[in-house]
């Protein structure tokens, strides 16, 4: 029921033992906490430093995940998403983007910076929150049907929480409509 819980659910469930998660050193605590709960190896890379990320990807084992925020919560700077997407394609790594601070502000319908840049197909998953620009509470993970089915069955922070009530969902839908 929050961006924190959504990141915790996604990042604690998806990366498995033998995988590697690389995250921006300035990533929000929910990203760091979610990754810590996973069985994967984890390493921070220097903020927006694609050369450092490339070096770390070269030495990473298993399935490799790169986790960033589209807009960073502490200083408001934007991730170089186009370059990150290209690097992840080149290195066959999965890109995960937290859109907490771009949801409701960018693209048609407030779909976030990833959508505004046309990079939706380059992301394994995106986390969007409703508690910032949309003025509600709760969050969602955008991804493939297979990813969503996996999370429904294995993401403990999702499984063992209470669903948002219908009136909250209606308010969120209308907030997206107004954003668009």
N, C-alpha and C. Protein backbone atom coordinates (compact mmCIF):
# COMPACT_ATOMS: atom_id res chain seq x y z
N UNK A 1 0.81 -1.21 0.00
CA UNK A 1 0.00 0.00 0.00
C UNK A 1 0.84 1.27 0.00
N UNK A 2 2.10 1.14 -0.44
CA UNK A 2 2.98 2.31 -0.55
C UNK A 2 4.08 1.97 -1.56
N UNK A 3 4.78 3.01 -2.00
CA UNK A 3 5.92 2.77 -2.88
C UNK A 3 6.98 1.95 -2.18
N UNK A 4 7.14 2.21 -0.88
CA UNK A 4 8.11 1.44 -0.09
C UNK A 4 7.76 -0.05 -0.17
N UNK A 5 6.49 -0.37 0.09
CA UNK A 5 6.07 -1.77 0.08
C UNK A 5 6.18 -2.39 -1.31
N UNK A 6 5.87 -1.61 -2.34
CA UNK A 6 5.96 -2.14 -3.71
C UNK A 6 7.40 -2.48 -4.07
N UNK A 7 8.33 -1.59 -3.74
CA UNK A 7 9.74 -1.88 -4.01
C UNK A 7 10.23 -3.05 -3.17
N UNK A 8 9.81 -3.10 -1.92
CA UNK A 8 10.18 -4.21 -1.06
C UNK A 8 9.69 -5.53 -1.66
N UNK A 9 8.44 -5.55 -2.11
CA UNK A 9 7.87 -6.76 -2.70
C UNK A 9 8.63 -7.19 -3.95
N UNK A 10 8.81 -6.26 -4.86
CA UNK A 10 9.48 -6.57 -6.13
C UNK A 10 10.91 -7.02 -5.93
N UNK A 11 11.67 -6.23 -5.17
CA UNK A 11 13.11 -6.46 -5.09
C UNK A 11 13.51 -7.56 -4.11
N UNK A 12 12.62 -7.92 -3.21
CA UNK A 12 12.92 -9.05 -2.32
C UNK A 12 12.55 -10.37 -2.97
N UNK A 13 11.59 -10.36 -3.90
CA UNK A 13 11.10 -11.60 -4.51
C UNK A 13 11.79 -11.95 -5.82
N UNK A 14 12.02 -10.97 -6.67
CA UNK A 14 12.46 -11.27 -8.03
C UNK A 14 13.91 -11.75 -8.14
N UNK A 15 14.89 -11.02 -7.63
CA UNK A 15 16.28 -11.51 -7.73
C UNK A 15 16.46 -12.76 -6.86
N UNK A 16 17.09 -13.75 -7.44
CA UNK A 16 17.28 -15.03 -6.75
C UNK A 16 18.74 -15.25 -6.39
N UNK A 17 18.98 -16.28 -5.58
CA UNK A 17 20.36 -16.66 -5.25
C UNK A 17 21.13 -16.89 -6.54
N UNK A 18 22.33 -16.33 -6.63
CA UNK A 18 23.13 -16.44 -7.83
C UNK A 18 22.97 -15.26 -8.78
N UNK A 19 21.96 -14.42 -8.55
CA UNK A 19 21.76 -13.21 -9.35
C UNK A 19 22.51 -12.04 -8.73
N UNK A 20 22.58 -10.94 -9.46
CA UNK A 20 23.24 -9.73 -8.98
C UNK A 20 22.34 -8.52 -9.22
N UNK A 21 22.20 -7.69 -8.19
CA UNK A 21 21.46 -6.43 -8.31
C UNK A 21 22.44 -5.29 -8.15
N UNK A 22 22.43 -4.39 -9.12
CA UNK A 22 23.26 -3.18 -9.10
C UNK A 22 22.31 -2.00 -8.99
N UNK A 23 22.51 -1.16 -7.98
CA UNK A 23 21.61 -0.04 -7.76
C UNK A 23 22.42 1.24 -7.58
N UNK A 24 21.83 2.35 -7.99
CA UNK A 24 22.47 3.65 -7.85
C UNK A 24 22.69 3.93 -6.37
N UNK A 25 23.86 4.44 -6.04
CA UNK A 25 24.20 4.68 -4.63
C UNK A 25 23.25 5.65 -3.95
N UNK A 26 22.56 6.50 -4.70
CA UNK A 26 21.62 7.45 -4.11
C UNK A 26 20.17 6.97 -4.17
N UNK A 27 19.99 5.70 -4.43
CA UNK A 27 18.65 5.14 -4.49
C UNK A 27 17.96 5.27 -3.13
N UNK A 28 16.65 5.38 -3.18
CA UNK A 28 15.83 5.50 -1.98
C UNK A 28 16.00 4.27 -1.08
N UNK A 29 15.77 4.46 0.20
CA UNK A 29 15.91 3.38 1.18
C UNK A 29 15.06 2.16 0.83
N UNK A 30 13.89 2.36 0.23
CA UNK A 30 13.04 1.21 -0.09
C UNK A 30 13.69 0.29 -1.11
N UNK A 31 14.48 0.85 -2.01
CA UNK A 31 15.22 0.04 -2.98
C UNK A 31 16.31 -0.74 -2.26
N UNK A 32 17.07 -0.06 -1.44
CA UNK A 32 18.16 -0.72 -0.71
C UNK A 32 17.62 -1.79 0.22
N UNK A 33 16.51 -1.51 0.90
CA UNK A 33 15.94 -2.49 1.82
C UNK A 33 15.39 -3.70 1.07
N UNK A 34 14.72 -3.47 -0.05
CA UNK A 34 14.20 -4.59 -0.84
C UNK A 34 15.30 -5.49 -1.34
N UNK A 35 16.38 -4.89 -1.82
CA UNK A 35 17.51 -5.66 -2.33
C UNK A 35 18.17 -6.44 -1.20
N UNK A 36 18.27 -5.83 -0.03
CA UNK A 36 18.88 -6.53 1.12
C UNK A 36 18.09 -7.78 1.50
N UNK A 37 16.77 -7.74 1.30
CA UNK A 37 15.94 -8.89 1.65
C UNK A 37 15.99 -10.01 0.61
N UNK A 38 16.55 -9.74 -0.55
CA UNK A 38 16.65 -10.77 -1.59
C UNK A 38 17.84 -11.68 -1.29
N UNK A 39 17.90 -12.78 -2.02
CA UNK A 39 19.02 -13.72 -1.87
C UNK A 39 20.16 -13.39 -2.84
N UNK A 40 20.00 -12.34 -3.63
CA UNK A 40 20.99 -11.99 -4.65
C UNK A 40 22.17 -11.23 -4.06
N UNK A 41 23.28 -11.25 -4.80
CA UNK A 41 24.39 -10.36 -4.46
C UNK A 41 23.96 -8.95 -4.84
N UNK A 42 24.49 -7.95 -4.15
CA UNK A 42 24.08 -6.57 -4.42
C UNK A 42 25.25 -5.63 -4.28
N UNK A 43 25.27 -4.66 -5.18
CA UNK A 43 26.34 -3.67 -5.19
C UNK A 43 25.77 -2.33 -5.62
N UNK A 44 26.25 -1.27 -4.99
CA UNK A 44 25.89 0.08 -5.41
C UNK A 44 26.89 0.53 -6.47
N UNK A 45 26.41 1.31 -7.44
CA UNK A 45 27.32 1.95 -8.39
C UNK A 45 27.22 3.46 -8.19
N UNK A 46 28.27 4.17 -8.58
CA UNK A 46 28.31 5.61 -8.39
C UNK A 46 27.15 6.29 -9.12
N UNK A 47 26.62 7.32 -8.49
CA UNK A 47 25.43 8.03 -8.98
C UNK A 47 25.60 8.47 -10.43
N UNK A 48 24.73 7.97 -11.29
CA UNK A 48 24.69 8.31 -12.72
C UNK A 48 25.99 7.98 -13.46
N UNK A 49 26.84 7.14 -12.91
CA UNK A 49 28.14 6.83 -13.52
C UNK A 49 28.02 5.55 -14.35
N UNK A 50 27.78 5.72 -15.65
CA UNK A 50 27.58 4.57 -16.53
C UNK A 50 28.85 3.74 -16.70
N UNK A 51 30.02 4.37 -16.61
CA UNK A 51 31.27 3.61 -16.70
C UNK A 51 31.43 2.69 -15.49
N UNK A 52 31.11 3.20 -14.30
CA UNK A 52 31.17 2.37 -13.10
C UNK A 52 30.16 1.23 -13.20
N UNK A 53 28.95 1.54 -13.66
CA UNK A 53 27.94 0.50 -13.82
C UNK A 53 28.40 -0.55 -14.83
N UNK A 54 28.96 -0.13 -15.94
CA UNK A 54 29.44 -1.07 -16.96
C UNK A 54 30.50 -2.02 -16.36
N UNK A 55 31.44 -1.47 -15.58
CA UNK A 55 32.47 -2.31 -14.95
C UNK A 55 31.83 -3.32 -14.00
N UNK A 56 30.88 -2.86 -13.22
CA UNK A 56 30.24 -3.76 -12.26
C UNK A 56 29.40 -4.83 -12.96
N UNK A 57 28.73 -4.45 -14.05
CA UNK A 57 27.97 -5.44 -14.82
C UNK A 57 28.88 -6.52 -15.39
N UNK A 58 30.07 -6.12 -15.82
CA UNK A 58 31.01 -7.08 -16.42
C UNK A 58 31.41 -8.16 -15.42
N UNK A 59 31.47 -7.82 -14.14
CA UNK A 59 31.87 -8.79 -13.13
C UNK A 59 30.71 -9.45 -12.41
N UNK A 60 29.49 -9.14 -12.80
CA UNK A 60 28.31 -9.66 -12.10
C UNK A 60 27.96 -11.06 -12.57
N UNK A 61 27.39 -11.84 -11.65
CA UNK A 61 27.00 -13.22 -11.96
C UNK A 61 25.48 -13.33 -12.11
N UNK A 62 25.05 -14.41 -12.75
CA UNK A 62 23.64 -14.74 -12.83
C UNK A 62 22.84 -13.70 -13.61
N UNK A 63 21.55 -13.68 -13.35
CA UNK A 63 20.69 -12.65 -13.95
C UNK A 63 21.07 -11.33 -13.30
N UNK A 64 21.21 -10.30 -14.10
CA UNK A 64 21.67 -9.01 -13.58
C UNK A 64 20.54 -7.99 -13.67
N UNK A 65 20.31 -7.30 -12.56
CA UNK A 65 19.27 -6.28 -12.46
C UNK A 65 19.93 -4.94 -12.17
N UNK A 66 19.48 -3.91 -12.86
CA UNK A 66 19.93 -2.54 -12.61
C UNK A 66 18.72 -1.77 -12.11
N UNK A 67 18.85 -1.17 -10.92
CA UNK A 67 17.72 -0.49 -10.29
C UNK A 67 18.06 0.98 -10.06
N UNK A 68 17.19 1.85 -10.58
CA UNK A 68 17.39 3.30 -10.46
C UNK A 68 16.05 3.97 -10.18
N UNK A 69 16.11 5.24 -9.82
CA UNK A 69 14.93 6.08 -9.74
C UNK A 69 14.91 6.95 -11.00
N UNK A 70 13.74 7.22 -11.54
CA UNK A 70 13.69 8.11 -12.71
C UNK A 70 14.02 9.54 -12.30
N UNK A 71 13.45 9.98 -11.19
CA UNK A 71 13.77 11.27 -10.57
C UNK A 71 14.19 10.96 -9.14
N UNK A 72 15.36 11.40 -8.74
CA UNK A 72 15.89 11.05 -7.42
C UNK A 72 15.26 11.92 -6.34
N UNK A 73 14.85 11.26 -5.27
CA UNK A 73 14.09 11.91 -4.22
C UNK A 73 14.90 12.94 -3.44
N UNK A 74 16.19 12.75 -3.31
CA UNK A 74 16.97 13.65 -2.46
C UNK A 74 17.38 14.94 -3.17
N UNK A 75 17.70 14.87 -4.47
CA UNK A 75 18.15 16.09 -5.14
C UNK A 75 17.38 16.42 -6.40
N UNK A 76 16.40 15.62 -6.77
CA UNK A 76 15.52 15.94 -7.88
C UNK A 76 16.12 15.79 -9.26
N UNK A 77 17.31 15.20 -9.36
CA UNK A 77 17.91 15.03 -10.69
C UNK A 77 17.33 13.79 -11.37
N UNK A 78 17.35 13.82 -12.69
CA UNK A 78 16.79 12.72 -13.48
C UNK A 78 17.89 11.73 -13.86
N UNK A 79 17.54 10.46 -13.81
CA UNK A 79 18.47 9.41 -14.25
C UNK A 79 18.64 9.51 -15.77
N UNK A 80 19.81 9.15 -16.27
CA UNK A 80 20.03 9.11 -17.73
C UNK A 80 19.37 7.85 -18.31
N UNK A 81 18.05 7.85 -18.33
CA UNK A 81 17.30 6.63 -18.64
C UNK A 81 17.59 6.08 -20.04
N UNK A 82 17.73 6.94 -21.02
CA UNK A 82 18.04 6.46 -22.37
C UNK A 82 19.35 5.71 -22.41
N UNK A 83 20.36 6.28 -21.79
CA UNK A 83 21.68 5.63 -21.75
C UNK A 83 21.65 4.36 -20.91
N UNK A 84 20.92 4.40 -19.79
CA UNK A 84 20.80 3.20 -18.96
C UNK A 84 20.10 2.08 -19.73
N UNK A 85 19.04 2.42 -20.44
CA UNK A 85 18.32 1.41 -21.22
C UNK A 85 19.23 0.80 -22.28
N UNK A 86 20.00 1.64 -22.97
CA UNK A 86 20.92 1.14 -24.00
C UNK A 86 21.98 0.23 -23.39
N UNK A 87 22.54 0.63 -22.25
CA UNK A 87 23.55 -0.19 -21.59
C UNK A 87 22.96 -1.53 -21.14
N UNK A 88 21.76 -1.50 -20.58
CA UNK A 88 21.14 -2.74 -20.14
C UNK A 88 20.83 -3.66 -21.32
N UNK A 89 20.41 -3.11 -22.44
CA UNK A 89 20.20 -3.93 -23.65
C UNK A 89 21.52 -4.56 -24.09
N UNK A 90 22.55 -3.74 -24.15
CA UNK A 90 23.87 -4.20 -24.59
C UNK A 90 24.40 -5.31 -23.68
N UNK A 91 24.21 -5.15 -22.38
CA UNK A 91 24.76 -6.09 -21.40
C UNK A 91 23.78 -7.20 -21.00
N UNK A 92 22.59 -7.18 -21.61
CA UNK A 92 21.55 -8.16 -21.29
C UNK A 92 21.21 -8.16 -19.80
N UNK A 93 21.05 -6.97 -19.27
CA UNK A 93 20.65 -6.79 -17.87
C UNK A 93 19.21 -6.28 -17.84
N UNK A 94 18.51 -6.55 -16.77
CA UNK A 94 17.12 -6.12 -16.62
C UNK A 94 17.08 -4.77 -15.90
N UNK A 95 16.37 -3.82 -16.48
CA UNK A 95 16.26 -2.48 -15.91
C UNK A 95 14.96 -2.36 -15.11
N UNK A 96 15.09 -1.89 -13.87
CA UNK A 96 13.96 -1.64 -12.98
C UNK A 96 14.01 -0.17 -12.59
N UNK A 97 12.89 0.54 -12.76
CA UNK A 97 12.87 1.98 -12.51
C UNK A 97 11.77 2.31 -11.50
N UNK A 98 12.16 3.00 -10.44
CA UNK A 98 11.21 3.54 -9.47
C UNK A 98 10.77 4.91 -9.99
N UNK A 99 9.48 5.05 -10.26
CA UNK A 99 8.93 6.28 -10.83
C UNK A 99 8.16 7.10 -9.79
N UNK A 100 8.47 6.93 -8.51
CA UNK A 100 7.72 7.61 -7.46
C UNK A 100 7.63 9.11 -7.68
N UNK A 101 8.71 9.72 -8.14
CA UNK A 101 8.74 11.18 -8.25
C UNK A 101 8.50 11.67 -9.67
N UNK A 102 8.11 10.77 -10.57
CA UNK A 102 7.73 11.23 -11.92
C UNK A 102 6.29 10.82 -12.27
N UNK A 103 5.70 9.91 -11.49
CA UNK A 103 4.31 9.54 -11.70
C UNK A 103 3.42 10.77 -11.52
N UNK A 104 2.53 10.97 -12.47
CA UNK A 104 1.61 12.10 -12.40
C UNK A 104 2.16 13.38 -12.98
N UNK A 105 3.44 13.41 -13.32
CA UNK A 105 4.07 14.64 -13.80
C UNK A 105 4.51 14.58 -15.25
N UNK A 106 4.82 13.41 -15.75
CA UNK A 106 5.36 13.26 -17.10
C UNK A 106 4.48 12.34 -17.93
N UNK A 107 4.43 12.58 -19.21
CA UNK A 107 3.74 11.75 -20.21
C UNK A 107 2.22 11.89 -20.11
N UNK A 108 1.57 11.38 -21.11
CA UNK A 108 0.10 11.39 -21.14
C UNK A 108 -0.44 10.61 -19.96
N UNK A 109 -1.41 11.17 -19.29
CA UNK A 109 -2.01 10.49 -18.15
C UNK A 109 -1.11 10.37 -16.95
N UNK A 110 0.00 11.11 -16.92
CA UNK A 110 0.90 11.06 -15.77
C UNK A 110 1.64 9.76 -15.65
N UNK A 111 1.91 9.10 -16.78
CA UNK A 111 2.49 7.75 -16.79
C UNK A 111 3.96 7.69 -16.42
N UNK A 112 4.60 8.84 -16.18
CA UNK A 112 5.98 8.83 -15.71
C UNK A 112 7.01 9.13 -16.77
N UNK A 113 8.25 9.33 -16.32
CA UNK A 113 9.34 9.72 -17.21
C UNK A 113 9.70 8.61 -18.19
N UNK A 114 9.64 7.37 -17.77
CA UNK A 114 9.93 6.26 -18.68
C UNK A 114 9.00 6.32 -19.89
N UNK A 115 7.72 6.52 -19.65
CA UNK A 115 6.76 6.63 -20.76
C UNK A 115 7.01 7.87 -21.59
N UNK A 116 7.32 8.98 -20.94
CA UNK A 116 7.58 10.22 -21.67
C UNK A 116 8.74 10.05 -22.64
N UNK A 117 9.71 9.23 -22.28
CA UNK A 117 10.88 8.99 -23.12
C UNK A 117 10.70 7.81 -24.08
N UNK A 118 9.55 7.14 -24.00
CA UNK A 118 9.30 6.00 -24.87
C UNK A 118 10.12 4.78 -24.55
N UNK A 119 10.44 4.59 -23.27
CA UNK A 119 11.33 3.50 -22.86
C UNK A 119 10.63 2.37 -22.11
N UNK A 120 9.30 2.35 -22.16
CA UNK A 120 8.56 1.34 -21.41
C UNK A 120 8.97 -0.08 -21.74
N UNK A 121 9.23 -0.36 -23.01
CA UNK A 121 9.62 -1.72 -23.41
C UNK A 121 11.02 -2.09 -22.96
N UNK A 122 11.81 -1.10 -22.53
CA UNK A 122 13.17 -1.37 -22.07
C UNK A 122 13.25 -1.71 -20.59
N UNK A 123 12.13 -1.63 -19.90
CA UNK A 123 12.12 -1.87 -18.45
C UNK A 123 11.46 -3.21 -18.13
N UNK A 124 12.11 -3.98 -17.29
CA UNK A 124 11.48 -5.19 -16.78
C UNK A 124 10.31 -4.81 -15.88
N UNK A 125 10.52 -3.77 -15.08
CA UNK A 125 9.48 -3.35 -14.14
C UNK A 125 9.63 -1.87 -13.83
N UNK A 126 8.50 -1.25 -13.51
CA UNK A 126 8.46 0.13 -13.04
C UNK A 126 7.57 0.17 -11.81
N UNK A 127 7.98 0.92 -10.81
CA UNK A 127 7.17 1.10 -9.61
C UNK A 127 6.62 2.52 -9.65
N UNK A 128 5.30 2.63 -9.55
CA UNK A 128 4.64 3.94 -9.57
C UNK A 128 3.86 4.10 -8.27
N UNK A 129 3.99 5.26 -7.65
CA UNK A 129 3.30 5.51 -6.39
C UNK A 129 2.17 6.51 -6.59
N UNK A 130 1.20 6.43 -5.71
CA UNK A 130 0.04 7.32 -5.78
C UNK A 130 0.07 8.40 -4.71
N UNK A 131 1.05 8.37 -3.82
CA UNK A 131 1.07 9.26 -2.68
C UNK A 131 1.78 10.58 -2.89
N UNK A 132 2.35 10.80 -4.05
CA UNK A 132 3.05 12.06 -4.31
C UNK A 132 2.14 12.95 -5.15
N UNK A 133 2.38 13.06 -6.44
CA UNK A 133 1.63 13.98 -7.31
C UNK A 133 0.15 13.65 -7.39
N UNK A 134 -0.22 12.39 -7.19
CA UNK A 134 -1.62 12.01 -7.33
C UNK A 134 -2.43 12.22 -6.06
N UNK A 135 -1.77 12.47 -4.94
CA UNK A 135 -2.46 12.80 -3.70
C UNK A 135 -3.24 11.67 -3.07
N UNK A 136 -2.90 10.44 -3.38
CA UNK A 136 -3.58 9.30 -2.77
C UNK A 136 -2.62 8.50 -1.92
N UNK A 137 -2.86 7.21 -1.85
CA UNK A 137 -1.88 6.32 -1.23
C UNK A 137 -1.90 5.01 -1.99
N UNK A 138 -0.84 4.24 -1.82
CA UNK A 138 -0.71 2.99 -2.53
C UNK A 138 0.31 3.10 -3.65
N UNK A 139 0.51 2.00 -4.35
CA UNK A 139 1.50 1.95 -5.43
C UNK A 139 1.19 0.74 -6.29
N UNK A 140 1.89 0.68 -7.43
CA UNK A 140 1.76 -0.49 -8.30
C UNK A 140 3.10 -0.81 -8.92
N UNK A 141 3.23 -2.05 -9.36
CA UNK A 141 4.39 -2.48 -10.14
C UNK A 141 3.89 -2.73 -11.55
N UNK A 142 4.47 -2.04 -12.52
CA UNK A 142 4.15 -2.24 -13.94
C UNK A 142 5.13 -3.26 -14.50
N UNK A 143 4.61 -4.25 -15.16
CA UNK A 143 5.47 -5.25 -15.78
C UNK A 143 4.63 -6.21 -16.61
N UNK A 144 5.26 -7.23 -17.10
CA UNK A 144 4.58 -8.22 -17.93
C UNK A 144 3.57 -9.01 -17.09
N UNK A 145 2.67 -9.70 -17.78
CA UNK A 145 1.71 -10.56 -17.09
C UNK A 145 2.44 -11.64 -16.28
N UNK A 146 3.54 -12.15 -16.84
CA UNK A 146 4.31 -13.18 -16.13
C UNK A 146 4.93 -12.62 -14.85
N UNK A 147 5.47 -11.40 -14.93
CA UNK A 147 6.04 -10.77 -13.74
C UNK A 147 4.96 -10.55 -12.69
N UNK A 148 3.82 -10.03 -13.10
CA UNK A 148 2.73 -9.78 -12.14
C UNK A 148 2.26 -11.07 -11.49
N UNK A 149 2.13 -12.15 -12.28
CA UNK A 149 1.73 -13.44 -11.72
C UNK A 149 2.77 -13.94 -10.71
N UNK A 150 4.04 -13.77 -11.04
CA UNK A 150 5.11 -14.16 -10.12
C UNK A 150 4.98 -13.40 -8.80
N UNK A 151 4.79 -12.09 -8.88
CA UNK A 151 4.71 -11.27 -7.66
C UNK A 151 3.48 -11.63 -6.83
N UNK A 152 2.35 -11.87 -7.48
CA UNK A 152 1.14 -12.26 -6.77
C UNK A 152 1.37 -13.53 -5.96
N UNK A 153 2.20 -14.41 -6.47
CA UNK A 153 2.43 -15.69 -5.81
C UNK A 153 3.63 -15.73 -4.88
N UNK A 154 4.61 -14.82 -5.06
CA UNK A 154 5.84 -14.94 -4.29
C UNK A 154 6.29 -13.68 -3.55
N UNK A 155 5.67 -12.55 -3.77
CA UNK A 155 6.09 -11.30 -3.13
C UNK A 155 5.36 -11.14 -1.79
N UNK A 156 6.02 -11.54 -0.73
CA UNK A 156 5.38 -11.55 0.59
C UNK A 156 4.82 -10.20 1.02
N UNK A 157 5.50 -9.08 0.79
CA UNK A 157 4.90 -7.80 1.18
C UNK A 157 3.59 -7.49 0.45
N UNK A 158 3.38 -8.10 -0.71
CA UNK A 158 2.11 -7.95 -1.42
C UNK A 158 1.09 -8.96 -0.91
N UNK A 159 1.50 -10.19 -0.77
CA UNK A 159 0.59 -11.27 -0.39
C UNK A 159 -0.05 -11.00 0.98
N UNK A 160 0.76 -10.51 1.91
CA UNK A 160 0.29 -10.41 3.29
C UNK A 160 -0.09 -8.99 3.70
N UNK A 161 -0.60 -8.21 2.75
CA UNK A 161 -1.09 -6.88 3.09
C UNK A 161 -2.56 -6.79 2.70
N UNK A 162 -3.19 -5.72 3.07
CA UNK A 162 -4.60 -5.50 2.75
C UNK A 162 -4.70 -4.70 1.45
N UNK A 163 -5.62 -5.08 0.60
CA UNK A 163 -5.82 -4.38 -0.67
C UNK A 163 -6.36 -2.97 -0.42
N UNK A 164 -6.10 -2.09 -1.37
CA UNK A 164 -6.67 -0.74 -1.28
C UNK A 164 -8.19 -0.83 -1.42
N UNK A 165 -8.92 0.01 -0.69
CA UNK A 165 -10.39 -0.02 -0.80
C UNK A 165 -10.85 0.59 -2.12
N UNK A 166 -12.04 0.23 -2.58
CA UNK A 166 -12.54 0.72 -3.87
C UNK A 166 -12.54 2.25 -4.00
N UNK A 167 -12.88 2.96 -2.95
CA UNK A 167 -12.91 4.43 -3.06
C UNK A 167 -11.51 5.00 -3.31
N UNK A 168 -10.49 4.37 -2.77
CA UNK A 168 -9.12 4.82 -3.04
C UNK A 168 -8.74 4.56 -4.49
N UNK A 169 -9.13 3.41 -5.00
CA UNK A 169 -8.83 3.09 -6.40
C UNK A 169 -9.54 4.04 -7.35
N UNK A 170 -10.77 4.40 -7.03
CA UNK A 170 -11.50 5.37 -7.87
C UNK A 170 -10.82 6.73 -7.85
N UNK A 171 -10.38 7.16 -6.68
CA UNK A 171 -9.69 8.45 -6.56
C UNK A 171 -8.38 8.44 -7.37
N UNK A 172 -7.67 7.33 -7.32
CA UNK A 172 -6.41 7.21 -8.07
C UNK A 172 -6.69 7.26 -9.58
N UNK A 173 -7.71 6.53 -10.01
CA UNK A 173 -8.08 6.55 -11.43
C UNK A 173 -8.40 7.97 -11.90
N UNK A 174 -9.15 8.70 -11.10
CA UNK A 174 -9.51 10.07 -11.47
C UNK A 174 -8.29 10.99 -11.45
N UNK A 175 -7.37 10.76 -10.52
CA UNK A 175 -6.15 11.57 -10.48
C UNK A 175 -5.32 11.36 -11.74
N UNK A 176 -5.23 10.11 -12.21
CA UNK A 176 -4.54 9.85 -13.48
C UNK A 176 -5.27 10.53 -14.63
N UNK A 177 -6.59 10.50 -14.61
CA UNK A 177 -7.38 11.14 -15.67
C UNK A 177 -7.12 12.64 -15.71
N UNK A 178 -7.10 13.27 -14.56
CA UNK A 178 -6.86 14.71 -14.48
C UNK A 178 -5.43 15.04 -14.91
N UNK A 179 -4.49 14.14 -14.64
CA UNK A 179 -3.09 14.37 -15.01
C UNK A 179 -2.88 14.36 -16.51
N UNK A 180 -3.80 13.74 -17.24
CA UNK A 180 -3.58 13.46 -18.63
C UNK A 180 -3.93 14.46 -19.62
